[in-house]
Amino acid sequence: MTPEGKQKARVKKILDELGCYYFFPIGGQYSARGVPDIIVCLDGLFVGLEIKAGKNKATALQLREIERIKSAGGFALVVDDSNIDELKSILEGVRPCQ
């Protein structure tokens, strides 16, 4: 498994623990470019997660899409080695009140 694949597996486990609906969009000829790796519904909140591992960084296009999600009222971020250990707490912090 690639380092990014390992990161995605860790994120998937966290999303399962939080009871989220999520999917991994498949890129292709007719797909929008820059869409985050994982699209999540967290208690009605739209969340986009771009997963990176090691020295890999989000591209300008990916960062633009993250900003578009935020501007539309959703939550999005790049998940990498610097914040993956806090991801569950981050998501719990943005979770809408029940």
PDB file of N, CA and C in Angstrom:
ATOM      1  N   MET A   1       0.848  -1.175   0.000  1.00  0.00           N
ATOM      2  CA  MET A   1       0.000   0.000   0.000  1.00  0.00           C
ATOM      3  C   MET A   1       0.897   1.242   0.000  1.00  0.00           C
ATOM      4  N   THR A   2       0.521   2.227  -0.780  1.00  0.00           N
ATOM      5  CA  THR A   2       1.294   3.468  -0.864  1.00  0.00           C
ATOM      6  C   THR A   2       1.147   4.259   0.438  1.00  0.00           C
ATOM      7  N   PRO A   3       2.071   5.202   0.701  1.00  0.00           N
ATOM      8  CA  PRO A   3       1.921   6.043   1.895  1.00  0.00           C
ATOM      9  C   PRO A   3       0.585   6.790   1.904  1.00  0.00           C
ATOM     10  N   GLU A   4       0.149   7.291   0.749  1.00  0.00           N
ATOM     11  CA  GLU A   4      -1.136   7.981   0.685  1.00  0.00           C
ATOM     12  C   GLU A   4      -2.283   7.000   0.920  1.00  0.00           C
ATOM     13  N   GLY A   5      -2.150   5.791   0.430  1.00  0.00           N
ATOM     14  CA  GLY A   5      -3.157   4.757   0.680  1.00  0.00           C
ATOM     15  C   GLY A   5      -3.276   4.450   2.164  1.00  0.00           C
ATOM     16  N   LYS A   6      -2.144   4.427   2.865  1.00  0.00           N
ATOM     17  CA  LYS A   6      -2.167   4.203   4.315  1.00  0.00           C
ATOM     18  C   LYS A   6      -2.870   5.362   5.021  1.00  0.00           C
ATOM     19  N   GLN A   7      -2.602   6.595   4.575  1.00  0.00           N
ATOM     20  CA  GLN A   7      -3.270   7.760   5.157  1.00  0.00           C
ATOM     21  C   GLN A   7      -4.779   7.651   4.938  1.00  0.00           C
ATOM     22  N   LYS A   8      -5.185   7.298   3.728  1.00  0.00           N
ATOM     23  CA  LYS A   8      -6.617   7.171   3.416  1.00  0.00           C
ATOM     24  C   LYS A   8      -7.270   6.109   4.294  1.00  0.00           C
ATOM     25  N   ALA A   9      -6.573   5.010   4.556  1.00  0.00           N
ATOM     26  CA  ALA A   9      -7.115   3.960   5.414  1.00  0.00           C
ATOM     27  C   ALA A   9      -7.307   4.482   6.841  1.00  0.00           C
ATOM     28  N   ARG A  10      -6.371   5.284   7.327  1.00  0.00           N
ATOM     29  CA  ARG A  10      -6.502   5.876   8.669  1.00  0.00           C
ATOM     30  C   ARG A  10      -7.698   6.828   8.717  1.00  0.00           C
ATOM     31  N   VAL A  11      -7.840   7.637   7.673  1.00  0.00           N
ATOM     32  CA  VAL A  11      -8.950   8.589   7.615  1.00  0.00           C
ATOM     33  C   VAL A  11     -10.274   7.832   7.552  1.00  0.00           C
ATOM     34  N   LYS A  12     -10.335   6.787   6.744  1.00  0.00           N
ATOM     35  CA  LYS A  12     -11.554   5.975   6.621  1.00  0.00           C
ATOM     36  C   LYS A  12     -11.974   5.428   7.986  1.00  0.00           C
ATOM     37  N   LYS A  13     -11.016   4.968   8.773  1.00  0.00           N
ATOM     38  CA  LYS A  13     -11.305   4.435  10.105  1.00  0.00           C
ATOM     39  C   LYS A  13     -11.912   5.519  10.997  1.00  0.00           C
ATOM     40  N   ILE A  14     -11.365   6.725  10.942  1.00  0.00           N
ATOM     41  CA  ILE A  14     -11.891   7.840  11.733  1.00  0.00           C
ATOM     42  C   ILE A  14     -13.310   8.187  11.289  1.00  0.00           C
ATOM     43  N   LEU A  15     -13.530   8.247   9.981  1.00  0.00           N
ATOM     44  CA  LEU A  15     -14.861   8.568   9.474  1.00  0.00           C
ATOM     45  C   LEU A  15     -15.879   7.513   9.890  1.00  0.00           C
ATOM     46  N   ASP A  16     -15.468   6.254   9.875  1.00  0.00           N
ATOM     47  CA  ASP A  16     -16.352   5.170  10.329  1.00  0.00           C
ATOM     48  C   ASP A  16     -16.695   5.342  11.807  1.00  0.00           C
ATOM     49  N   GLU A  17     -15.693   5.688  12.624  1.00  0.00           N
ATOM     50  CA  GLU A  17     -15.916   5.883  14.061  1.00  0.00           C
ATOM     51  C   GLU A  17     -16.914   7.013  14.317  1.00  0.00           C
ATOM     52  N   LEU A  18     -16.879   8.053  13.466  1.00  0.00           N
ATOM     53  CA  LEU A  18     -17.769   9.196  13.625  1.00  0.00           C
ATOM     54  C   LEU A  18     -19.143   8.971  12.991  1.00  0.00           C
ATOM     55  N   GLY A  19     -19.318   7.848  12.302  1.00  0.00           N
ATOM     56  CA  GLY A  19     -20.598   7.539  11.673  1.00  0.00           C
ATOM     57  C   GLY A  19     -20.902   8.385  10.445  1.00  0.00           C
ATOM     58  N   CYS A  20     -19.877   8.777   9.734  1.00  0.00           N
ATOM     59  CA  CYS A  20     -20.029   9.634   8.555  1.00  0.00           C
ATOM     60  C   CYS A  20     -20.425   8.829   7.319  1.00  0.00           C
ATOM     61  N   TYR A  21     -21.125   9.500   6.418  1.00  0.00           N
ATOM     62  CA  TYR A  21     -21.295   8.992   5.056  1.00  0.00           C
ATOM     63  C   TYR A  21     -20.127   9.585   4.265  1.00  0.00           C
ATOM     64  N   TYR A  22     -19.478   8.773   3.427  1.00  0.00           N
ATOM     65  CA  TYR A  22     -18.365   9.286   2.627  1.00  0.00           C
ATOM     66  C   TYR A  22     -18.169   8.414   1.403  1.00  0.00           C
ATOM     67  N   PHE A  23     -17.481   9.003   0.433  1.00  0.00           N
ATOM     68  CA  PHE A  23     -17.081   8.237  -0.738  1.00  0.00           C
ATOM     69  C   PHE A  23     -15.808   8.846  -1.323  1.00  0.00           C
ATOM     70  N   PHE A  24     -15.149   8.049  -2.145  1.00  0.00           N
ATOM     71  CA  PHE A  24     -13.922   8.447  -2.822  1.00  0.00           C
ATOM     72  C   PHE A  24     -14.260   8.693  -4.294  1.00  0.00           C
ATOM     73  N   PRO A  25     -14.339   9.953  -4.716  1.00  0.00           N
ATOM     74  CA  PRO A  25     -14.665  10.213  -6.126  1.00  0.00           C
ATOM     75  C   PRO A  25     -13.601   9.621  -7.046  1.00  0.00           C
ATOM     76  N   ILE A  26     -14.046   9.095  -8.149  1.00  0.00           N
ATOM     77  CA  ILE A  26     -13.117   8.526  -9.132  1.00  0.00           C
ATOM     78  C   ILE A  26     -12.909   9.551 -10.239  1.00  0.00           C
ATOM     79  N   GLY A  27     -11.665   9.889 -10.460  1.00  0.00           N
ATOM     80  CA  GLY A  27     -11.339  10.852 -11.511  1.00  0.00           C
ATOM     81  C   GLY A  27     -11.420  10.203 -12.883  1.00  0.00           C
ATOM     82  N   GLY A  28     -11.701  11.015 -13.852  1.00  0.00           N
ATOM     83  CA  GLY A  28     -11.774  10.518 -15.217  1.00  0.00           C
ATOM     84  C   GLY A  28     -11.964  11.670 -16.179  1.00  0.00           C
ATOM     85  N   GLN A  29     -12.177  11.342 -17.401  1.00  0.00           N
ATOM     86  CA  GLN A  29     -12.307  12.318 -18.471  1.00  0.00           C
ATOM     87  C   GLN A  29     -13.412  13.338 -18.194  1.00  0.00           C
ATOM     88  N   TYR A  30     -14.509  12.907 -17.604  1.00  0.00           N
ATOM     89  CA  TYR A  30     -15.654  13.782 -17.379  1.00  0.00           C
ATOM     90  C   TYR A  30     -15.756  14.281 -15.938  1.00  0.00           C
ATOM     91  N   SER A  31     -14.757  14.018 -15.131  1.00  0.00           N
ATOM     92  CA  SER A  31     -14.772  14.435 -13.731  1.00  0.00           C
ATOM     93  C   SER A  31     -14.258  15.861 -13.582  1.00  0.00           C
ATOM     94  N   ALA A  32     -14.755  16.536 -12.545  1.00  0.00           N
ATOM     95  CA  ALA A  32     -14.227  17.858 -12.207  1.00  0.00           C
ATOM     96  C   ALA A  32     -12.810  17.699 -11.673  1.00  0.00           C
ATOM     97  N   ARG A  33     -11.956  18.606 -12.017  1.00  0.00           N
ATOM     98  CA  ARG A  33     -10.558  18.542 -11.575  1.00  0.00           C
ATOM     99  C   ARG A  33     -10.407  19.220 -10.213  1.00  0.00           C
ATOM    100  N   GLY A  34      -9.500  18.691  -9.399  1.00  0.00           N
ATOM    101  CA  GLY A  34      -9.199  19.289  -8.104  1.00  0.00           C
ATOM    102  C   GLY A  34     -10.137  18.891  -6.986  1.00  0.00           C
ATOM    103  N   VAL A  35     -11.109  18.024  -7.267  1.00  0.00           N
ATOM    104  CA  VAL A  35     -12.055  17.583  -6.240  1.00  0.00           C
ATOM    105  C   VAL A  35     -11.282  16.823  -5.159  1.00  0.00           C
ATOM    106  N   PRO A  36     -11.605  17.067  -3.872  1.00  0.00           N
ATOM    107  CA  PRO A  36     -10.900  16.369  -2.789  1.00  0.00           C
ATOM    108  C   PRO A  36     -10.997  14.842  -2.915  1.00  0.00           C
ATOM    109  N   ASP A  37     -10.055  14.161  -2.288  1.00  0.00           N
ATOM    110  CA  ASP A  37      -9.980  12.702  -2.342  1.00  0.00           C
ATOM    111  C   ASP A  37     -11.187  12.015  -1.706  1.00  0.00           C
ATOM    112  N   ILE A  38     -11.712  12.628  -0.643  1.00  0.00           N
ATOM    113  CA  ILE A  38     -12.838  12.020   0.072  1.00  0.00           C
ATOM    114  C   ILE A  38     -13.916  13.088   0.254  1.00  0.00           C
ATOM    115  N   ILE A  39     -15.137  12.748  -0.129  1.00  0.00           N
ATOM    116  CA  ILE A  39     -16.291  13.611   0.077  1.00  0.00           C
ATOM    117  C   ILE A  39     -17.077  13.006   1.237  1.00  0.00           C
ATOM    118  N   VAL A  40     -17.407  13.846   2.221  1.00  0.00           N
ATOM    119  CA  VAL A  40     -17.991  13.377   3.474  1.00  0.00           C
ATOM    120  C   VAL A  40     -19.261  14.157   3.784  1.00  0.00           C
ATOM    121  N   CYS A  41     -20.222  13.474   4.389  1.00  0.00           N
ATOM    122  CA  CYS A  41     -21.366  14.139   5.002  1.00  0.00           C
ATOM    123  C   CYS A  41     -21.272  13.844   6.496  1.00  0.00           C
ATOM    124  N   LEU A  42     -21.044  14.886   7.277  1.00  0.00           N
ATOM    125  CA  LEU A  42     -20.897  14.779   8.728  1.00  0.00           C
ATOM    126  C   LEU A  42     -22.104  15.467   9.366  1.00  0.00           C
ATOM    127  N   ASP A  43     -23.119  14.693   9.700  1.00  0.00           N
ATOM    128  CA  ASP A  43     -24.348  15.235  10.297  1.00  0.00           C
ATOM    129  C   ASP A  43     -24.910  16.389   9.473  1.00  0.00           C
ATOM    130  N   GLY A  44     -24.911  16.248   8.159  1.00  0.00           N
ATOM    131  CA  GLY A  44     -25.461  17.256   7.267  1.00  0.00           C
ATOM    132  C   GLY A  44     -24.464  18.275   6.777  1.00  0.00           C
ATOM    133  N   LEU A  45     -23.272  18.307   7.329  1.00  0.00           N
ATOM    134  CA  LEU A  45     -22.229  19.233   6.891  1.00  0.00           C
ATOM    135  C   LEU A  45     -21.433  18.602   5.755  1.00  0.00           C
ATOM    136  N   PHE A  46     -21.300  19.339   4.645  1.00  0.00           N
ATOM    137  CA  PHE A  46     -20.484  18.883   3.523  1.00  0.00           C
ATOM    138  C   PHE A  46     -19.018  19.071   3.892  1.00  0.00           C
ATOM    139  N   VAL A  47     -18.224  18.009   3.753  1.00  0.00           N
ATOM    140  CA  VAL A  47     -16.798  18.048   4.089  1.00  0.00           C
ATOM    141  C   VAL A  47     -15.998  17.462   2.939  1.00  0.00           C
ATOM    142  N   GLY A  48     -14.931  18.127   2.552  1.00  0.00           N
ATOM    143  CA  GLY A  48     -13.997  17.624   1.557  1.00  0.00           C
ATOM    144  C   GLY A  48     -12.630  17.439   2.186  1.00  0.00           C
ATOM    145  N   LEU A  49     -12.040  16.265   2.011  1.00  0.00           N
ATOM    146  CA  LEU A  49     -10.731  15.968   2.580  1.00  0.00           C
ATOM    147  C   LEU A  49      -9.755  15.610   1.462  1.00  0.00           C
ATOM    148  N   GLU A  50      -8.706  16.382   1.336  1.00  0.00           N
ATOM    149  CA  GLU A  50      -7.618  16.101   0.395  1.00  0.00           C
ATOM    150  C   GLU A  50      -6.516  15.429   1.195  1.00  0.00           C
ATOM    151  N   ILE A  51      -6.146  14.218   0.820  1.00  0.00           N
ATOM    152  CA  ILE A  51      -5.197  13.422   1.587  1.00  0.00           C
ATOM    153  C   ILE A  51      -3.816  13.479   0.942  1.00  0.00           C
ATOM    154  N   LYS A  52      -2.815  13.766   1.769  1.00  0.00           N
ATOM    155  CA  LYS A  52      -1.430  13.816   1.313  1.00  0.00           C
ATOM    156  C   LYS A  52      -0.563  13.056   2.307  1.00  0.00           C
ATOM    157  N   ALA A  53       0.540  12.521   1.826  1.00  0.00           N
ATOM    158  CA  ALA A  53       1.481  11.803   2.685  1.00  0.00           C
ATOM    159  C   ALA A  53       2.899  12.223   2.339  1.00  0.00           C
ATOM    160  N   GLY A  54       3.768  12.137   3.319  1.00  0.00           N
ATOM    161  CA  GLY A  54       5.169  12.488   3.096  1.00  0.00           C
ATOM    162  C   GLY A  54       5.330  13.941   2.705  1.00  0.00           C
ATOM    163  N   LYS A  55       6.127  14.181   1.693  1.00  0.00           N
ATOM    164  CA  LYS A  55       6.409  15.550   1.246  1.00  0.00           C
ATOM    165  C   LYS A  55       5.411  16.058   0.218  1.00  0.00           C
ATOM    166  N   ASN A  56       4.442  15.238  -0.158  1.00  0.00           N
ATOM    167  CA  ASN A  56       3.440  15.665  -1.141  1.00  0.00           C
ATOM    168  C   ASN A  56       2.614  16.817  -0.591  1.00  0.00           C
ATOM    169  N   LYS A  57       2.335  17.786  -1.438  1.00  0.00           N
ATOM    170  CA  LYS A  57       1.552  18.969  -1.079  1.00  0.00           C
ATOM    171  C   LYS A  57       0.360  19.088  -2.014  1.00  0.00           C
ATOM    172  N   ALA A  58      -0.679  19.760  -1.555  1.00  0.00           N
ATOM    173  CA  ALA A  58      -1.849  20.009  -2.396  1.00  0.00           C
ATOM    174  C   ALA A  58      -1.457  20.952  -3.526  1.00  0.00           C
ATOM    175  N   THR A  59      -2.055  20.736  -4.680  1.00  0.00           N
ATOM    176  CA  THR A  59      -1.797  21.597  -5.832  1.00  0.00           C
ATOM    177  C   THR A  59      -2.624  22.879  -5.703  1.00  0.00           C
ATOM    178  N   ALA A  60      -2.294  23.869  -6.505  1.00  0.00           N
ATOM    179  CA  ALA A  60      -3.055  25.115  -6.514  1.00  0.00           C
ATOM    180  C   ALA A  60      -4.521  24.841  -6.844  1.00  0.00           C
ATOM    181  N   LEU A  61      -4.771  23.937  -7.770  1.00  0.00           N
ATOM    182  CA  LEU A  61      -6.141  23.589  -8.145  1.00  0.00           C
ATOM    183  C   LEU A  61      -6.887  22.946  -6.975  1.00  0.00           C
ATOM    184  N   GLN A  62      -6.234  22.053  -6.260  1.00  0.00           N
ATOM    185  CA  GLN A  62      -6.856  21.412  -5.104  1.00  0.00           C
ATOM    186  C   GLN A  62      -7.158  22.434  -4.017  1.00  0.00           C
ATOM    187  N   LEU A  63      -6.231  23.355  -3.783  1.00  0.00           N
ATOM    188  CA  LEU A  63      -6.447  24.402  -2.786  1.00  0.00           C
ATOM    189  C   LEU A  63      -7.593  25.323  -3.192  1.00  0.00           C
ATOM    190  N   ARG A  64      -7.713  25.593  -4.482  1.00  0.00           N
ATOM    191  CA  ARG A  64      -8.822  26.419  -4.970  1.00  0.00           C
ATOM    192  C   ARG A  64     -10.157  25.735  -4.699  1.00  0.00           C
ATOM    193  N   GLU A  65     -10.226  24.432  -4.935  1.00  0.00           N
ATOM    194  CA  GLU A  65     -11.466  23.697  -4.685  1.00  0.00           C
ATOM    195  C   GLU A  65     -11.800  23.673  -3.194  1.00  0.00           C
ATOM    196  N   ILE A  66     -10.799  23.563  -2.354  1.00  0.00           N
ATOM    197  CA  ILE A  66     -11.022  23.618  -0.905  1.00  0.00           C
ATOM    198  C   ILE A  66     -11.635  24.968  -0.530  1.00  0.00           C
ATOM    199  N   GLU A  67     -11.115  26.040  -1.098  1.00  0.00           N
ATOM    200  CA  GLU A  67     -11.658  27.376  -0.818  1.00  0.00           C
ATOM    201  C   GLU A  67     -13.080  27.507  -1.343  1.00  0.00           C
ATOM    202  N   ARG A  68     -13.376  26.923  -2.489  1.00  0.00           N
ATOM    203  CA  ARG A  68     -14.741  26.966  -3.040  1.00  0.00           C
ATOM    204  C   ARG A  68     -15.723  26.248  -2.112  1.00  0.00           C
ATOM    205  N   ILE A  69     -15.303  25.125  -1.543  1.00  0.00           N
ATOM    206  CA  ILE A  69     -16.151  24.389  -0.602  1.00  0.00           C
ATOM    207  C   ILE A  69     -16.418  25.250   0.630  1.00  0.00           C
ATOM    208  N   LYS A  70     -15.378  25.869   1.159  1.00  0.00           N
ATOM    209  CA  LYS A  70     -15.545  26.729   2.338  1.00  0.00           C
ATOM    210  C   LYS A  70     -16.455  27.915   2.024  1.00  0.00           C
ATOM    211  N   SER A  71     -16.275  28.512   0.870  1.00  0.00           N
ATOM    212  CA  SER A  71     -17.102  29.665   0.475  1.00  0.00           C
ATOM    213  C   SER A  71     -18.570  29.293   0.337  1.00  0.00           C
ATOM    214  N   ALA A  72     -18.830  28.033   0.020  1.00  0.00           N
ATOM    215  CA  ALA A  72     -20.210  27.559  -0.133  1.00  0.00           C
ATOM    216  C   ALA A  72     -20.821  27.107   1.190  1.00  0.00           C
ATOM    217  N   GLY A  73     -20.067  27.220   2.286  1.00  0.00           N
ATOM    218  CA  GLY A  73     -20.593  26.852   3.594  1.00  0.00           C
ATOM    219  C   GLY A  73     -20.188  25.477   4.085  1.00  0.00           C
ATOM    220  N   GLY A  74     -19.352  24.787   3.314  1.00  0.00           N
ATOM    221  CA  GLY A  74     -18.865  23.474   3.735  1.00  0.00           C
ATOM    222  C   GLY A  74     -17.566  23.603   4.512  1.00  0.00           C
ATOM    223  N   PHE A  75     -16.977  22.497   4.821  1.00  0.00           N
ATOM    224  CA  PHE A  75     -15.695  22.447   5.521  1.00  0.00           C
ATOM    225  C   PHE A  75     -14.758  21.588   4.689  1.00  0.00           C
ATOM    226  N   ALA A  76     -13.522  22.035   4.531  1.00  0.00           N
ATOM    227  CA  ALA A  76     -12.549  21.266   3.755  1.00  0.00           C
ATOM    228  C   ALA A  76     -11.152  21.539   4.294  1.00  0.00           C
ATOM    229  N   LEU A  77     -10.302  20.532   4.166  1.00  0.00           N
ATOM    230  CA  LEU A  77      -8.911  20.716   4.550  1.00  0.00           C
ATOM    231  C   LEU A  77      -8.039  19.655   3.914  1.00  0.00           C
ATOM    232  N   VAL A  78      -6.756  19.936   3.939  1.00  0.00           N
ATOM    233  CA  VAL A  78      -5.744  18.974   3.515  1.00  0.00           C
ATOM    234  C   VAL A  78      -5.366  18.185   4.762  1.00  0.00           C
ATOM    235  N   VAL A  79      -5.452  16.877   4.674  1.00  0.00           N
ATOM    236  CA  VAL A  79      -5.052  15.996   5.770  1.00  0.00           C
ATOM    237  C   VAL A  79      -3.691  15.431   5.397  1.00  0.00           C
ATOM    238  N   ASP A  80      -2.697  15.695   6.250  1.00  0.00           N
ATOM    239  CA  ASP A  80      -1.349  15.206   5.987  1.00  0.00           C
ATOM    240  C   ASP A  80      -0.703  14.761   7.294  1.00  0.00           C
ATOM    241  N   ASP A  81       0.601  14.512   7.247  1.00  0.00           N
ATOM    242  CA  ASP A  81       1.307  14.014   8.427  1.00  0.00           C
ATOM    243  C   ASP A  81       1.220  14.987   9.604  1.00  0.00           C
ATOM    244  N   SER A  82       1.026  16.281   9.314  1.00  0.00           N
ATOM    245  CA  SER A  82       1.024  17.283  10.387  1.00  0.00           C
ATOM    246  C   SER A  82      -0.282  17.318  11.176  1.00  0.00           C
ATOM    247  N   ASN A  83      -1.385  16.805  10.611  1.00  0.00           N
ATOM    248  CA  ASN A  83      -2.656  16.936  11.321  1.00  0.00           C
ATOM    249  C   ASN A  83      -3.504  15.657  11.380  1.00  0.00           C
ATOM    250  N   ILE A  84      -3.034  14.572  10.828  1.00  0.00           N
ATOM    251  CA  ILE A  84      -3.871  13.362  10.798  1.00  0.00           C
ATOM    252  C   ILE A  84      -4.172  12.839  12.201  1.00  0.00           C
ATOM    253  N   ASP A  85      -3.241  13.027  13.141  1.00  0.00           N
ATOM    254  CA  ASP A  85      -3.489  12.545  14.497  1.00  0.00           C
ATOM    255  C   ASP A  85      -4.593  13.343  15.192  1.00  0.00           C
ATOM    256  N   GLU A  86      -4.845  14.567  14.735  1.00  0.00           N
ATOM    257  CA  GLU A  86      -5.882  15.415  15.314  1.00  0.00           C
ATOM    258  C   GLU A  86      -7.170  15.410  14.493  1.00  0.00           C
ATOM    259  N   LEU A  87      -7.235  14.638  13.408  1.00  0.00           N
ATOM    260  CA  LEU A  87      -8.372  14.715  12.502  1.00  0.00           C
ATOM    261  C   LEU A  87      -9.697  14.446  13.202  1.00  0.00           C
ATOM    262  N   LYS A  88      -9.766  13.447  14.049  1.00  0.00           N
ATOM    263  CA  LYS A  88     -11.029  13.146  14.731  1.00  0.00           C
ATOM    264  C   LYS A  88     -11.470  14.350  15.561  1.00  0.00           C
ATOM    265  N   SER A  89     -10.566  14.969  16.276  1.00  0.00           N
ATOM    266  CA  SER A  89     -10.899  16.147  17.099  1.00  0.00           C
ATOM    267  C   SER A  89     -11.315  17.320  16.221  1.00  0.00           C
ATOM    268  N   ILE A  90     -10.645  17.498  15.088  1.00  0.00           N
ATOM    269  CA  ILE A  90     -10.986  18.573  14.149  1.00  0.00           C
ATOM    270  C   ILE A  90     -12.408  18.388  13.662  1.00  0.00           C
ATOM    271  N   LEU A  91     -12.741  17.196  13.227  1.00  0.00           N
ATOM    272  CA  LEU A  91     -14.077  16.929  12.709  1.00  0.00           C
ATOM    273  C   LEU A  91     -15.139  17.042  13.795  1.00  0.00           C
ATOM    274  N   GLU A  92     -14.828  16.586  15.002  1.00  0.00           N
ATOM    275  CA  GLU A  92     -15.776  16.740  16.108  1.00  0.00           C
ATOM    276  C   GLU A  92     -16.003  18.224  16.407  1.00  0.00           C
ATOM    277  N   GLY A  93     -14.979  19.054  16.195  1.00  0.00           N
ATOM    278  CA  GLY A  93     -15.086  20.483  16.451  1.00  0.00           C
ATOM    279  C   GLY A  93     -15.941  21.230  15.435  1.00  0.00           C
ATOM    280  N   VAL A  94     -16.023  20.723  14.218  1.00  0.00           N
ATOM    281  CA  VAL A  94     -16.844  21.376  13.192  1.00  0.00           C
ATOM    282  C   VAL A  94     -18.203  20.711  13.029  1.00  0.00           C
ATOM    283  N   ARG A  95     -18.401  19.612  13.731  1.00  0.00           N
ATOM    284  CA  ARG A  95     -19.661  18.858  13.639  1.00  0.00           C
ATOM    285  C   ARG A  95     -20.823  19.759  14.059  1.00  0.00           C
ATOM    286  N   PRO A  96     -21.872  19.813  13.240  1.00  0.00           N
ATOM    287  CA  PRO A  96     -23.036  20.626  13.603  1.00  0.00           C
ATOM    288  C   PRO A  96     -23.665  20.132  14.911  1.00  0.00           C
ATOM    289  N   CYS A  97     -24.216  21.041  15.671  1.00  0.00           N
ATOM    290  CA  CYS A  97     -24.905  20.669  16.921  1.00  0.00           C
ATOM    291  C   CYS A  97     -26.125  19.841  16.612  1.00  0.00           C
ATOM    292  N   GLN A  98     -26.330  18.829  17.371  1.00  0.00           N
ATOM    293  CA  GLN A  98     -27.492  17.946  17.177  1.00  0.00           C
ATOM    294  C   GLN A  98     -28.661  18.431  17.999  1.00  0.00           C
TER     295      GLN A  98
END
